[in-house]
């Protein structure tokens, strides 16, 4: 490996990699050049490690590319790795590989002194492992690099690190799919046509969204939310729908139709009761009914906007005891349709067009 310098690496790959910052989080998968440049500049007084979900994912995502001359050309002569091995050689430096597939994996790196760490797909690495890894970067000039696809807005990496980048001495770069020069225009067009809503925002635009478990994949906060104080006049309050739970949360949504030249369907207000929010206290149906009816009688719109009473009350058809209680309290609940997939699909393809 003698003779490889940062300048020579730059000439080999044809660009000058930017590896500034103590901790760096980026998103594209093509991180091989970044890793090679960081290895060259890593302090000699600590170890170099690469972390992935498993050793197989590290090989598939990185070493299978780094050792391919069709992709990295002359650089591959300076990278040695045998699939399944726990060590590799990059530009003459020994690199240790660690799989981190659960919280207990952090025990693998306790006591290490690390000068450079690279984490592949950081959002699927346990937080406990990440926290332990940060404590291992005890060498002057130590650096942690990470690549990841975005996760949910509540992911620990986003909340505890990316949103606190300044105080964490972290530099974060976000990329969209269009920023990836290795993807063809045809592939990008096909991918853009394939996704919509929160999945489009995550997979195409690289945004952190709550896509996992999303009921309505086309949901877009910019398109489908209005501020409560901006609620337009309501022509009809079509219905209130209740999802009843004894141990789970009971929730109700008030659906209205706006009084506009082009009417919109809007969820005006929400009511819920969760035992977890009341020290685990569950309540009988008669109390559920009282709280629900009190909410219905209350104010649901901003000042100056009249909200008519709902024309219908829909209830989970399996909530027989609650339906009986509401009947005895002079309400007439209708059984909701529990065909989840078909009703969700209907909202996806029909209703979203109405609220554009």
Foldseek 3Di string as FASTA:
>chain_A
DPPDAQVNLCVQQVHRDDPDWQEEEEADLPCQSVVLNCVRVFDPPFAEEEEEQDLQVCCVSPVVQLLDCVRRNPQNVQKADDRPDQWIGHNRGIYGYAHANDLVSLVVCPPGAHREYEYEAVLRHDPNNVVSVVVNPPDVNRHYYYYHQAEACPRCCCPVDVVPPVVVRYDYDFDFPVVDPVDDPVVLVVVCVVAAQPVCCRNGVRDHHHQVVDLQRNHHCVQQDDDQQPDAAFPAFAEKEWEDDQQAKIKIWTWTWHPDPQIAIDGQDMDIDHCVVVVNDTDDLLVVLVVVVVVQPDDRGPPPHDYDRHPAYEYAPVPVVNCVNVVVVVHHYDYDDPPSPVVSVCCNPPRSVSRD
